[in-house]
Protein backbone atom coordinates (compact mmCIF):
# COMPACT_ATOMS: atom_id res chain seq x y z
CA MET A 1 -10.88 16.77 62.01
CA ALA A 2 -13.94 15.85 60.86
CA ILE A 3 -12.77 12.34 59.69
CA LEU A 4 -11.80 11.66 63.44
CA LEU A 5 -14.77 12.82 64.75
CA LEU A 6 -16.76 10.45 62.47
CA THR A 7 -14.40 7.51 63.30
CA GLN A 8 -15.41 8.20 67.02
CA ILE A 9 -18.79 8.28 66.34
CA ALA A 10 -18.75 5.04 64.31
CA ALA A 11 -17.02 3.11 67.39
CA ALA A 12 -19.70 4.84 69.79
CA ALA A 13 -22.35 3.38 67.73
CA ARG A 14 -21.18 -0.10 68.06
CA PRO A 15 -22.53 -2.48 70.89
CA ALA A 16 -19.87 -2.88 73.79
CA ALA A 17 -17.59 -5.66 73.70
CA ALA A 18 -18.10 -8.51 76.30
CA PRO A 19 -15.71 -8.47 79.07
CA VAL A 20 -12.26 -10.65 78.51
CA ILE A 21 -11.84 -13.28 80.94
CA ILE A 22 -8.49 -15.17 80.81
CA VAL A 23 -8.27 -18.38 82.38
CA ALA A 24 -5.37 -21.19 82.67
CA ASP A 25 -6.26 -24.07 80.77
CA SER A 26 -6.10 -27.03 83.55
CA ARG A 27 -7.57 -29.97 81.29
CA ASN A 28 -4.42 -31.73 80.36
CA LEU A 29 -2.27 -30.62 83.62
CA THR A 30 -1.81 -32.81 86.44
CA GLY A 31 -0.35 -33.02 90.00
CA LEU A 32 1.21 -29.66 91.14
CA MET A 33 0.71 -27.92 87.74
CA LYS A 34 -3.09 -28.51 88.08
CA TRP A 35 -3.24 -27.28 91.16
CA TRP A 36 -1.47 -24.42 90.50
CA ALA A 37 -3.84 -23.60 87.22
CA ASP A 38 -6.76 -23.97 89.47
CA ARG A 39 -5.61 -21.60 92.14
CA TYR A 40 -5.20 -19.11 89.33
CA ASN A 41 -8.55 -20.06 87.68
CA GLU A 42 -10.57 -19.62 91.42
CA SER A 43 -9.02 -16.43 92.78
CA GLN A 44 -6.19 -14.11 91.40
CA VAL A 45 -5.93 -12.44 94.83
CA TYR A 46 -4.87 -16.13 96.38
CA PHE A 47 -2.76 -16.99 93.58
CA CYS A 48 -1.03 -13.80 93.77
CA VAL A 49 -0.17 -14.20 97.21
CA LEU A 50 1.00 -17.92 96.57
CA THR A 51 3.34 -16.26 94.01
CA TYR A 52 4.84 -13.73 96.27
CA ILE A 53 5.14 -16.30 98.87
CA CYS A 54 7.02 -18.60 96.33
CA ILE A 55 9.10 -16.19 95.02
CA LEU A 56 10.42 -14.92 98.62
CA ALA A 57 11.13 -18.70 99.85
CA GLY A 58 12.96 -18.83 96.24
CA GLY A 59 15.14 -15.99 96.86
CA LEU A 60 15.78 -16.36 100.41
CA SER A 61 16.55 -20.00 100.51
CA PRO A 62 19.81 -19.60 97.98
CA ALA A 63 20.80 -16.42 100.24
CA GLY A 64 20.73 -18.64 103.38
CA LEU A 65 22.29 -21.07 102.24
CA ALA A 66 25.30 -18.95 100.94
CA ASP A 67 25.56 -17.56 104.43
CA LEU A 68 25.77 -20.87 105.99
CA VAL A 69 28.25 -21.85 103.66
CA MET A 70 30.41 -18.83 104.18
CA LYS A 71 30.01 -18.88 107.83
CA ARG A 72 31.24 -22.54 107.52
CA LEU A 73 34.01 -21.42 105.60
CA GLY A 74 35.02 -19.03 108.21
CA LEU A 75 34.02 -15.69 106.40
CA ASP A 76 32.29 -13.45 108.53
CA LEU A 77 30.63 -10.67 106.77
CA LYS A 78 29.07 -9.20 109.65
CA SER A 79 32.36 -7.69 111.18
CA ARG A 80 34.33 -6.45 108.42
CA GLU A 81 35.48 -3.15 107.73
CA LEU A 82 35.44 -1.21 104.77
CA ALA A 83 38.60 -0.44 102.69
CA GLU A 84 37.49 2.79 101.58
CA HIS A 85 38.38 5.81 103.35
C-alpha cells in the first residue's frame, strides 16, 4: 500500500501537462480535402454537423434509388402481407 501511495505522491508533484490539441494537417491538401480539414481545425461542432449530414445523405441516397428501382420493376413493398401466421 505504501508503494502505491508513494507513486501517487510522486505523480502529483510533477507539473501539470499541457493540454493536447489535435489538428488535421492540411498543408499538402487541395480542393475538397483541404476544405474538409479546415472545417475540422476551425470548429469541431460544425465539422460534426457536416459529417452527420453527409452520412445521412450517403445512406438515404442509395435507399431512395433502390426504392425507385423496385417501384419501376413493379415491386410494391408498402402493401405486402406477412406470410407468418
